[in-house]
C-alpha atoms as a PDB file:
ATOM      1  CA  MET A   1      12.318  -9.512  30.522  1.00  0.00           C
ATOM      2  CA  THR A   2       9.085  -8.004  29.204  1.00  0.00           C
ATOM      3  CA  THR A   3       5.943  -9.536  30.703  1.00  0.00           C
ATOM      4  CA  VAL A   4       3.281 -10.435  28.117  1.00  0.00           C
ATOM      5  CA  LEU A   5      -0.104  -8.948  29.024  1.00  0.00           C
ATOM      6  CA  SER A   6      -2.257 -11.545  27.289  1.00  0.00           C
ATOM      7  CA  GLY A   7      -6.009 -11.037  27.361  1.00  0.00           C
ATOM      8  CA  LYS A   8      -7.001 -14.601  26.525  1.00  0.00           C
ATOM      9  CA  VAL A   9      -7.365 -15.952  30.055  1.00  0.00           C
ATOM     10  CA  LEU A  10      -9.294 -12.874  31.211  1.00  0.00           C
ATOM     11  CA  ALA A  11     -11.596 -13.046  28.191  1.00  0.00           C
ATOM     12  CA  ALA A  12     -12.284 -16.721  28.879  1.00  0.00           C
ATOM     13  CA  GLN A  13     -13.143 -15.935  32.495  1.00  0.00           C
ATOM     14  CA  ILE A  14     -15.562 -13.167  31.478  1.00  0.00           C
ATOM     15  CA  LYS A  15     -17.214 -15.400  28.887  1.00  0.00           C
ATOM     16  CA  LYS A  16     -17.592 -18.265  31.368  1.00  0.00           C
ATOM     17  CA  ASP A  17     -19.302 -15.992  33.871  1.00  0.00           C
ATOM     18  CA  THR A  18     -21.444 -14.495  31.115  1.00  0.00           C
ATOM     19  CA  ALA A  19     -22.534 -17.934  29.877  1.00  0.00           C
ATOM     20  CA  GLU A  20     -23.616 -18.906  33.399  1.00  0.00           C
ATOM     21  CA  ARG A  21     -25.649 -15.716  33.703  1.00  0.00           C
ATOM     22  CA  VAL A  22     -27.237 -16.338  30.297  1.00  0.00           C
ATOM     23  CA  GLN A  23     -28.232 -19.836  31.410  1.00  0.00           C
ATOM     24  CA  ALA A  24     -29.921 -18.394  34.476  1.00  0.00           C
ATOM     25  CA  LEU A  25     -31.841 -15.918  32.339  1.00  0.00           C
ATOM     26  CA  THR A  26     -32.827 -18.630  29.884  1.00  0.00           C
ATOM     27  CA  ALA A  27     -34.224 -20.674  32.762  1.00  0.00           C
ATOM     28  CA  ARG A  28     -36.443 -17.684  33.536  1.00  0.00           C
ATOM     29  CA  GLY A  29     -37.626 -17.551  29.924  1.00  0.00           C
ATOM     30  CA  VAL A  30     -35.420 -14.649  28.834  1.00  0.00           C
ATOM     31  CA  GLN A  31     -33.533 -14.999  25.561  1.00  0.00           C
ATOM     32  CA  VAL A  32     -30.659 -12.513  25.624  1.00  0.00           C
ATOM     33  CA  GLY A  33     -30.330 -10.664  22.310  1.00  0.00           C
ATOM     34  CA  LEU A  34     -27.561  -8.585  20.754  1.00  0.00           C
ATOM     35  CA  ALA A  35     -28.022  -6.621  17.516  1.00  0.00           C
ATOM     36  CA  ILE A  36     -25.235  -5.253  15.333  1.00  0.00           C
ATOM     37  CA  VAL A  37     -26.040  -2.627  12.717  1.00  0.00           C
ATOM     38  CA  THR A  38     -23.701  -2.427   9.732  1.00  0.00           C
ATOM     39  CA  ALA A  39     -23.640  -0.202   6.649  1.00  0.00           C
ATOM     40  CA  THR A  40     -20.336  -1.087   5.027  1.00  0.00           C
ATOM     41  CA  ASP A  41     -18.699  -3.574   2.692  1.00  0.00           C
ATOM     42  CA  ASP A  42     -15.389  -3.362   4.554  1.00  0.00           C
ATOM     43  CA  GLU A  43     -14.070  -6.917   4.939  1.00  0.00           C
ATOM     44  CA  ALA A  44     -12.182  -6.216   8.168  1.00  0.00           C
ATOM     45  CA  SER A  45     -15.420  -4.912   9.664  1.00  0.00           C
ATOM     46  CA  ALA A  46     -17.301  -7.966   8.404  1.00  0.00           C
ATOM     47  CA  TRP A  47     -14.720 -10.239  10.024  1.00  0.00           C
ATOM     48  CA  TYR A  48     -15.100  -8.433  13.325  1.00  0.00           C
ATOM     49  CA  VAL A  49     -18.891  -8.696  13.202  1.00  0.00           C
ATOM     50  CA  ARG A  50     -18.659 -12.412  12.495  1.00  0.00           C
ATOM     51  CA  SER A  51     -16.325 -12.854  15.451  1.00  0.00           C
ATOM     52  CA  ILE A  52     -18.761 -11.075  17.777  1.00  0.00           C
ATOM     53  CA  THR A  53     -21.768 -13.089  16.643  1.00  0.00           C
ATOM     54  CA  LYS A  54     -19.771 -16.312  16.972  1.00  0.00           C
ATOM     55  CA  ALA A  55     -18.699 -15.362  20.487  1.00  0.00           C
ATOM     56  CA  ALA A  56     -22.279 -14.419  21.359  1.00  0.00           C
ATOM     57  CA  ALA A  57     -23.599 -17.789  20.182  1.00  0.00           C
ATOM     58  CA  ALA A  58     -20.948 -19.575  22.238  1.00  0.00           C
ATOM     59  CA  VAL A  59     -22.327 -18.086  25.465  1.00  0.00           C
ATOM     60  CA  GLY A  60     -25.983 -18.454  24.489  1.00  0.00           C
ATOM     61  CA  ILE A  61     -26.713 -14.922  23.297  1.00  0.00           C
ATOM     62  CA  ALA A  62     -28.816 -14.590  20.163  1.00  0.00           C
ATOM     63  CA  GLY A  63     -26.837 -12.343  17.836  1.00  0.00           C
ATOM     64  CA  ARG A  64     -28.401 -10.709  14.802  1.00  0.00           C
ATOM     65  CA  VAL A  65     -26.837  -8.511  12.157  1.00  0.00           C
ATOM     66  CA  GLU A  66     -28.830  -5.765  10.457  1.00  0.00           C
ATOM     67  CA  GLU A  67     -26.984  -5.114   7.185  1.00  0.00           C
ATOM     68  CA  LEU A  68     -28.134  -1.818   5.683  1.00  0.00           C
ATOM     69  CA  GLY A  69     -25.567  -1.622   2.878  1.00  0.00           C
ATOM     70  CA  VAL A  70     -23.176   1.095   1.752  1.00  0.00           C
ATOM     71  CA  THR A  71     -25.979   3.222   0.310  1.00  0.00           C
ATOM     72  CA  ALA A  72     -27.683   3.606   3.690  1.00  0.00           C
ATOM     73  CA  THR A  73     -28.485   7.171   4.702  1.00  0.00           C
ATOM     74  CA  GLU A  74     -28.391   8.735   8.142  1.00  0.00           C
ATOM     75  CA  SER A  75     -32.173   8.399   8.216  1.00  0.00           C
ATOM     76  CA  ASP A  76     -31.974   4.684   7.392  1.00  0.00           C
ATOM     77  CA  ILE A  77     -29.473   4.032  10.154  1.00  0.00           C
ATOM     78  CA  ARG A  78     -31.276   6.123  12.734  1.00  0.00           C
ATOM     79  CA  SER A  79     -34.571   4.411  11.954  1.00  0.00           C
ATOM     80  CA  MET A  80     -33.029   0.978  12.438  1.00  0.00           C
ATOM     81  CA  LEU A  81     -31.422   2.010  15.722  1.00  0.00           C
ATOM     82  CA  VAL A  82     -34.735   3.361  17.009  1.00  0.00           C
ATOM     83  CA  LYS A  83     -36.495   0.158  15.949  1.00  0.00           C
ATOM     84  CA  LEU A  84     -33.974  -1.969  17.823  1.00  0.00           C
ATOM     85  CA  GLY A  85     -34.257   0.260  20.868  1.00  0.00           C
ATOM     86  CA  ASP A  86     -37.989  -0.432  20.952  1.00  0.00           C
ATOM     87  CA  ASP A  87     -37.551  -4.192  20.479  1.00  0.00           C
ATOM     88  CA  PRO A  88     -37.838  -5.972  23.865  1.00  0.00           C
ATOM     89  CA  GLY A  89     -35.932  -8.951  22.436  1.00  0.00           C
ATOM     90  CA  VAL A  90     -32.834  -6.825  21.878  1.00  0.00           C
ATOM     91  CA  HIS A  91     -30.789  -6.056  24.969  1.00  0.00           C
ATOM     92  CA  GLY A  92     -27.607  -4.752  23.379  1.00  0.00           C
ATOM     93  CA  ILE A  93     -27.049  -2.591  20.294  1.00  0.00           C
ATOM     94  CA  ILE A  94     -23.753  -2.060  18.477  1.00  0.00           C
ATOM     95  CA  LEU A  95     -23.315   0.372  15.583  1.00  0.00           C
ATOM     96  CA  GLN A  96     -20.420  -0.988  13.566  1.00  0.00           C
ATOM     97  CA  THR A  97     -18.020   1.314  11.752  1.00  0.00           C
ATOM     98  CA  PRO A  98     -17.002   2.456   9.212  1.00  0.00           C
ATOM     99  CA  LEU A  99     -20.176   4.176   8.106  1.00  0.00           C
ATOM    100  CA  PRO A 100     -21.068   5.213   4.534  1.00  0.00           C
ATOM    101  CA  ASP A 101     -19.557   8.370   3.081  1.00  0.00           C
ATOM    102  CA  GLY A 102     -21.432  11.427   4.279  1.00  0.00           C
ATOM    103  CA  VAL A 103     -22.872   9.725   7.357  1.00  0.00           C
ATOM    104  CA  ARG A 104     -21.620  11.328  10.545  1.00  0.00           C
ATOM    105  CA  SER A 105     -21.298   8.975  13.484  1.00  0.00           C
ATOM    106  CA  GLU A 106     -22.362  11.533  16.077  1.00  0.00           C
ATOM    107  CA  ARG A 107     -25.586  12.219  14.167  1.00  0.00           C
ATOM    108  CA  VAL A 108     -26.696   8.587  14.131  1.00  0.00           C
ATOM    109  CA  SER A 109     -25.271   7.225  17.386  1.00  0.00           C
ATOM    110  CA  VAL A 110     -27.603   9.488  19.353  1.00  0.00           C
ATOM    111  CA  ALA A 111     -30.399   7.168  18.200  1.00  0.00           C
ATOM    112  CA  ILE A 112     -28.954   4.237  20.175  1.00  0.00           C
ATOM    113  CA  ALA A 113     -31.066   3.716  23.287  1.00  0.00           C
ATOM    114  CA  PRO A 114     -28.686   4.612  26.159  1.00  0.00           C
ATOM    115  CA  GLU A 115     -29.855   1.651  28.234  1.00  0.00           C
ATOM    116  CA  LYS A 116     -28.853  -0.700  25.380  1.00  0.00           C
ATOM    117  CA  ASP A 117     -25.700   1.150  24.339  1.00  0.00           C
ATOM    118  CA  VAL A 118     -23.331  -1.684  25.240  1.00  0.00           C
ATOM    119  CA  ASP A 119     -20.355  -0.110  23.433  1.00  0.00           C
ATOM    120  CA  GLY A 120     -20.774   3.402  24.791  1.00  0.00           C
ATOM    121  CA  ALA A 121     -21.319   4.986  21.374  1.00  0.00           C
ATOM    122  CA  ASN A 122     -24.136   7.403  22.204  1.00  0.00           C
ATOM    123  CA  PRO A 123     -22.726  10.810  23.199  1.00  0.00           C
ATOM    124  CA  GLU A 124     -25.018  10.679  26.228  1.00  0.00           C
ATOM    125  CA  SER A 125     -23.106   7.626  27.450  1.00  0.00           C
ATOM    126  CA  PHE A 126     -19.797   9.469  27.092  1.00  0.00           C
ATOM    127  CA  GLY A 127     -21.183  12.511  28.883  1.00  0.00           C
ATOM    128  CA  ARG A 128     -22.352  10.422  31.811  1.00  0.00           C
ATOM    129  CA  LEU A 129     -19.001   8.620  31.939  1.00  0.00           C
ATOM    130  CA  ALA A 130     -17.136  11.930  31.948  1.00  0.00           C
ATOM    131  CA  THR A 131     -19.213  13.283  34.818  1.00  0.00           C
ATOM    132  CA  GLY A 132     -18.910  10.162  36.956  1.00  0.00           C
ATOM    133  CA  LEU A 133     -22.425   8.848  36.391  1.00  0.00           C
ATOM    134  CA  ARG A 134     -23.157   5.240  35.565  1.00  0.00           C
ATOM    135  CA  ALA A 135     -22.980   4.327  31.882  1.00  0.00           C
ATOM    136  CA  PHE A 136     -21.469   1.698  29.645  1.00  0.00           C
ATOM    137  CA  ALA A 137     -17.939   2.704  28.695  1.00  0.00           C
ATOM    138  CA  PRO A 138     -16.725   1.872  25.185  1.00  0.00           C
ATOM    139  CA  ALA A 139     -15.690  -1.758  25.502  1.00  0.00           C
ATOM    140  CA  THR A 140     -12.158  -1.260  24.166  1.00  0.00           C
ATOM    141  CA  ALA A 141     -11.408   1.497  26.666  1.00  0.00           C
ATOM    142  CA  GLN A 142     -12.785  -0.590  29.512  1.00  0.00           C
ATOM    143  CA  ALA A 143     -10.813  -3.605  28.274  1.00  0.00           C
ATOM    144  CA  VAL A 144      -7.546  -1.721  28.777  1.00  0.00           C
ATOM    145  CA  VAL A 145      -8.286  -1.091  32.454  1.00  0.00           C
ATOM    146  CA  GLU A 146      -9.563  -4.619  33.085  1.00  0.00           C
ATOM    147  CA  LEU A 147      -6.520  -6.119  31.364  1.00  0.00           C
ATOM    148  CA  LEU A 148      -4.220  -4.100  33.629  1.00  0.00           C
ATOM    149  CA  ASP A 149      -6.221  -5.156  36.683  1.00  0.00           C
ATOM    150  CA  HIS A 150      -6.039  -8.783  35.634  1.00  0.00           C
ATOM    151  CA  HIS A 151      -2.270  -8.645  35.488  1.00  0.00           C
ATOM    152  CA  GLY A 152      -1.952  -6.866  38.816  1.00  0.00           C
ATOM    153  CA  ILE A 153      -0.855  -3.488  37.435  1.00  0.00           C
ATOM    154  CA  ASP A 154      -1.545  -0.873  40.103  1.00  0.00           C
ATOM    155  CA  LEU A 155      -2.862   2.344  38.568  1.00  0.00           C
ATOM    156  CA  HIS A 156      -3.184   4.348  41.784  1.00  0.00           C
ATOM    157  CA  GLY A 157      -1.031   7.467  41.536  1.00  0.00           C
ATOM    158  CA  LYS A 158       0.690   6.314  38.338  1.00  0.00           C
ATOM    159  CA  HIS A 159       1.343   8.568  35.350  1.00  0.00           C
ATOM    160  CA  ALA A 160      -0.604   7.154  32.405  1.00  0.00           C
ATOM    161  CA  VAL A 161       0.021   8.480  28.897  1.00  0.00           C
ATOM    162  CA  VAL A 162      -2.740   7.731  26.399  1.00  0.00           C
ATOM    163  CA  VAL A 163      -1.652   8.180  22.790  1.00  0.00           C
ATOM    164  CA  GLY A 164      -4.893   8.727  20.905  1.00  0.00           C
ATOM    165  CA  ARG A 165      -7.818  11.101  21.366  1.00  0.00           C
ATOM    166  CA  SER A 166     -10.756   9.264  19.802  1.00  0.00           C
ATOM    167  CA  THR A 167     -14.139   9.085  21.509  1.00  0.00           C
ATOM    168  CA  VAL A 168     -13.940   5.303  21.112  1.00  0.00           C
ATOM    169  CA  VAL A 169     -10.769   4.720  23.132  1.00  0.00           C
ATOM    170  CA  GLY A 170      -8.548   7.670  24.033  1.00  0.00           C
ATOM    171  CA  LYS A 171     -10.962  10.131  25.648  1.00  0.00           C
ATOM    172  CA  PRO A 172     -13.140   7.634  27.551  1.00  0.00           C
ATOM    173  CA  LEU A 173     -10.042   5.717  28.668  1.00  0.00           C
ATOM    174  CA  ALA A 174      -8.621   8.904  30.154  1.00  0.00           C
ATOM    175  CA  HIS A 175     -11.710   9.226  32.340  1.00  0.00           C
ATOM    176  CA  LEU A 176     -11.554   5.577  33.397  1.00  0.00           C
ATOM    177  CA  LEU A 177      -7.911   6.024  34.378  1.00  0.00           C
ATOM    178  CA  LEU A 178      -8.705   9.211  36.296  1.00  0.00           C
ATOM    179  CA  ASP A 179     -11.350   7.262  38.192  1.00  0.00           C
ATOM    180  CA  ARG A 180      -8.543   4.874  39.204  1.00  0.00           C
ATOM    181  CA  HIS A 181      -6.515   7.804  40.581  1.00  0.00           C
ATOM    182  CA  SER A 182      -3.973   7.888  37.753  1.00  0.00           C
ATOM    183  CA  THR A 183      -2.481  11.137  36.528  1.00  0.00           C
ATOM    184  CA  VAL A 184      -3.363  11.182  32.847  1.00  0.00           C
ATOM    185  CA  THR A 185      -1.739  12.811  29.834  1.00  0.00           C
ATOM    186  CA  ILE A 186      -3.464  12.561  26.464  1.00  0.00           C
ATOM    187  CA  ALA A 187      -1.122  12.742  23.485  1.00  0.00           C
ATOM    188  CA  HIS A 188      -1.599  11.979  19.795  1.00  0.00           C
ATOM    189  CA  SER A 189       0.224  11.605  16.506  1.00  0.00           C
ATOM    190  CA  ARG A 190       0.677  15.375  16.176  1.00  0.00           C
ATOM    191  CA  THR A 191       2.072  15.917  19.670  1.00  0.00           C
ATOM    192  CA  HIS A 192       5.407  17.728  19.468  1.00  0.00           C
ATOM    193  CA  GLY A 193       8.147  15.712  21.133  1.00  0.00           C
ATOM    194  CA  LEU A 194       5.934  12.650  21.457  1.00  0.00           C
ATOM    195  CA  ALA A 195       8.797  10.414  22.585  1.00  0.00           C
ATOM    196  CA  GLU A 196       9.656  12.836  25.382  1.00  0.00           C
ATOM    197  CA  VAL A 197       6.042  12.807  26.576  1.00  0.00           C
ATOM    198  CA  THR A 198       5.523   9.047  26.439  1.00  0.00           C
ATOM    199  CA  SER A 199       8.893   8.184  27.966  1.00  0.00           C
ATOM    200  CA  ARG A 200       7.736   9.791  31.220  1.00  0.00           C
ATOM    201  CA  GLY A 201       4.755   7.472  31.512  1.00  0.00           C
ATOM    202  CA  ASP A 202       4.511   4.616  33.995  1.00  0.00           C
ATOM    203  CA  VAL A 203       1.736   3.262  31.774  1.00  0.00           C
ATOM    204  CA  VAL A 204       1.590   3.993  28.041  1.00  0.00           C
ATOM    205  CA  VAL A 205      -1.486   3.126  25.995  1.00  0.00           C
ATOM    206  CA  ALA A 206      -1.088   3.258  22.208  1.00  0.00           C
ATOM    207  CA  ALA A 207      -4.461   3.855  20.576  1.00  0.00           C
ATOM    208  CA  VAL A 208      -3.777   6.120  17.637  1.00  0.00           C
ATOM    209  CA  GLY A 209      -4.290   3.708  14.736  1.00  0.00           C
ATOM    210  CA  ARG A 210      -0.859   4.084  13.176  1.00  0.00           C
ATOM    211  CA  ALA A 211       1.194   0.934  12.754  1.00  0.00           C
ATOM    212  CA  ARG A 212       4.328   0.737  14.905  1.00  0.00           C
ATOM    213  CA  LEU A 213       4.262   4.424  15.809  1.00  0.00           C
ATOM    214  CA  ILE A 214       5.510   3.775  19.324  1.00  0.00           C
ATOM    215  CA  THR A 215       9.112   2.563  19.327  1.00  0.00           C
ATOM    216  CA  ALA A 216      11.638   1.729  22.039  1.00  0.00           C
ATOM    217  CA  ASP A 217      12.660   5.402  22.033  1.00  0.00           C
ATOM    218  CA  HIS A 218       9.157   6.293  23.250  1.00  0.00           C
ATOM    219  CA  ILE A 219       9.238   3.999  26.265  1.00  0.00           C
ATOM    220  CA  GLY A 220      10.905   4.201  29.665  1.00  0.00           C
ATOM    221  CA  PRO A 221      12.625   1.073  31.015  1.00  0.00           C
ATOM    222  CA  VAL A 222       9.931   0.293  33.597  1.00  0.00           C
ATOM    223  CA  ALA A 223       6.869   1.268  31.553  1.00  0.00           C
ATOM    224  CA  VAL A 224       3.811  -0.912  31.131  1.00  0.00           C
ATOM    225  CA  VAL A 225       2.637  -0.669  27.513  1.00  0.00           C
ATOM    226  CA  VAL A 226      -0.848  -1.515  26.253  1.00  0.00           C
ATOM    227  CA  ASP A 227      -1.220  -1.748  22.480  1.00  0.00           C
ATOM    228  CA  VAL A 228      -4.751  -1.072  21.267  1.00  0.00           C
ATOM    229  CA  GLY A 229      -3.816  -0.795  17.582  1.00  0.00           C
ATOM    230  CA  THR A 230      -5.241  -3.227  15.020  1.00  0.00           C
ATOM    231  CA  ASN A 231      -3.650  -2.250  11.726  1.00  0.00           C
ATOM    232  CA  PRO A 232      -4.095  -4.673   8.799  1.00  0.00           C
ATOM    233  CA  THR A 233      -1.042  -5.826   6.872  1.00  0.00           C
ATOM    234  CA  PRO A 234      -0.870  -6.596   3.139  1.00  0.00           C
ATOM    235  CA  GLU A 235      -0.510 -10.260   4.084  1.00  0.00           C
ATOM    236  CA  GLY A 236      -3.854 -10.238   5.876  1.00  0.00           C
ATOM    237  CA  GLY A 237      -2.490 -10.087   9.418  1.00  0.00           C
ATOM    238  CA  LEU A 238      -2.661  -7.461  12.125  1.00  0.00           C
ATOM    239  CA  VAL A 239       0.014  -5.308  13.719  1.00  0.00           C
ATOM    240  CA  GLY A 240      -0.339  -2.911  16.588  1.00  0.00           C
ATOM    241  CA  ASP A 241       0.631   0.695  17.165  1.00  0.00           C
ATOM    242  CA  VAL A 242       3.719  -0.472  19.063  1.00  0.00           C
ATOM    243  CA  ASP A 243       6.913  -1.526  17.328  1.00  0.00           C
ATOM    244  CA  PRO A 244       8.249  -5.002  18.278  1.00  0.00           C
ATOM    245  CA  GLY A 245      11.490  -3.306  19.338  1.00  0.00           C
ATOM    246  CA  VAL A 246       9.745  -2.271  22.552  1.00  0.00           C
ATOM    247  CA  THR A 247       9.966  -5.898  23.700  1.00  0.00           C
ATOM    248  CA  GLY A 248      12.932  -6.262  25.999  1.00  0.00           C
ATOM    249  CA  LYS A 249      12.801  -2.652  27.162  1.00  0.00           C
ATOM    250  CA  ALA A 250       9.284  -2.231  28.497  1.00  0.00           C
ATOM    251  CA  ALA A 251       8.367  -3.936  31.743  1.00  0.00           C
ATOM    252  CA  ALA A 252       5.183  -5.320  30.192  1.00  0.00           C
ATOM    253  CA  LEU A 253       3.473  -5.258  26.795  1.00  0.00           C
ATOM    254  CA  SER A 254       0.117  -6.462  25.506  1.00  0.00           C
ATOM    255  CA  PRO A 255       0.283  -8.440  22.247  1.00  0.00           C
ATOM    256  CA  VAL A 256      -1.586  -7.809  18.993  1.00  0.00           C
ATOM    257  CA  PRO A 257      -3.567  -9.907  18.458  1.00  0.00           C
ATOM    258  CA  GLY A 258      -4.419 -11.581  21.737  1.00  0.00           C
ATOM    259  CA  GLY A 259      -4.245  -8.660  24.146  1.00  0.00           C
ATOM    260  CA  VAL A 260      -7.001  -6.061  24.361  1.00  0.00           C
ATOM    261  CA  GLY A 261      -9.099  -7.520  21.523  1.00  0.00           C
ATOM    262  CA  PRO A 262     -10.417 -10.694  23.190  1.00  0.00           C
ATOM    263  CA  VAL A 263     -11.317  -8.745  26.317  1.00  0.00           C
ATOM    264  CA  THR A 264     -13.231  -6.153  24.287  1.00  0.00           C
ATOM    265  CA  THR A 265     -15.441  -8.802  22.709  1.00  0.00           C
ATOM    266  CA  ALA A 266     -16.057 -10.480  26.056  1.00  0.00           C
ATOM    267  CA  LEU A 267     -17.085  -7.169  27.634  1.00  0.00           C
ATOM    268  CA  LEU A 268     -19.636  -6.476  24.886  1.00  0.00           C
ATOM    269  CA  LEU A 269     -21.292  -9.766  25.778  1.00  0.00           C
ATOM    270  CA  ARG A 270     -21.154  -9.021  29.500  1.00  0.00           C
ATOM    271  CA  HIS A 271     -22.706  -5.608  29.004  1.00  0.00           C
ATOM    272  CA  THR A 272     -25.539  -7.179  27.006  1.00  0.00           C
ATOM    273  CA  VAL A 273     -26.296  -9.576  29.855  1.00  0.00           C
ATOM    274  CA  ASP A 274     -26.192  -6.647  32.296  1.00  0.00           C
ATOM    275  CA  VAL A 275     -29.074  -5.094  30.358  1.00  0.00           C
ATOM    276  CA  ALA A 276     -31.048  -8.340  30.202  1.00  0.00           C
ATOM    277  CA  GLU A 277     -30.708  -8.854  33.952  1.00  0.00           C
ATOM    278  CA  ARG A 278     -32.149  -5.402  34.552  1.00  0.00           C
ATOM    279  CA  GLY A 279     -35.231  -6.440  32.616  1.00  0.00           C
ATOM    280  CA  GLY A 280     -34.870  -3.674  30.063  1.00  0.00           C
ATOM    281  CA  ARG A 281     -34.777  -0.932  32.691  1.00  0.00           C
ATOM    282  CA  ALA A 282     -32.332   1.879  32.260  1.00  0.00           C
ATOM    283  CA  ALA A 283     -28.709   0.796  32.678  1.00  0.00           C
ATOM    284  CA  VAL A 284     -27.612   4.363  33.247  1.00  0.00           C
ATOM    285  CA  GLY A 285     -29.036   5.211  36.618  1.00  0.00           C
ATOM    286  CA  SER A 286     -27.427   7.841  38.812  1.00  0.00           C
END
């Protein structure tokens, strides 16, 4: 039997705690604010932004969307990010992707105030995370670890294979797993003998963005598998990076949707409240 690593109960718990903290801040006259900057007409991105703002409203956070349009330049985006960083009513800032053609993420994300960088997008946040200093980790990467914790998966001394090397999930997740005393291998879609590499993992995280790349042949019989993939289907649904054939072989598997995704959204809200509770002071102390 393959255990289902659902994230719904964990996400609900995080949101409940977050809502209580927001209420306490409201009683002190603090309105918690989250701003999302977009510069795309991608419908999947728009759906995700709507889901975040809806979740924010449900816990009492004032969500606002700054839509800059597909013609936005790097200067336009950077200026907006700086403006939001200076706004005392904004406690969390998210730069939504994709970005317009010609706009390089690393050139604009540096303008996100590190103390409000609730999704760990600023390279400074990643650098601090990599060196063991306090910073907000990208919410999806953190969601993987918290989902495993929630389901009682012990990471100490385990061999974790992360398939994916992005700065959004793969690389920061590797550091989070190292901090939990896992032995970490980072692989990707171009890794020679990928199945041989992943089949040795006690924990396998699929975060490469390629639908159903990881099959039963990639998984050992006692592996715990976390599927981070969110690949749209022609029918308007979502499928993960893990093939359904893994079910029945793996010891545990997170579903898509309903696994990592709900936890990611909940963590973005929690991070925003973290900033508000610090009164706008730096959230990246030593």
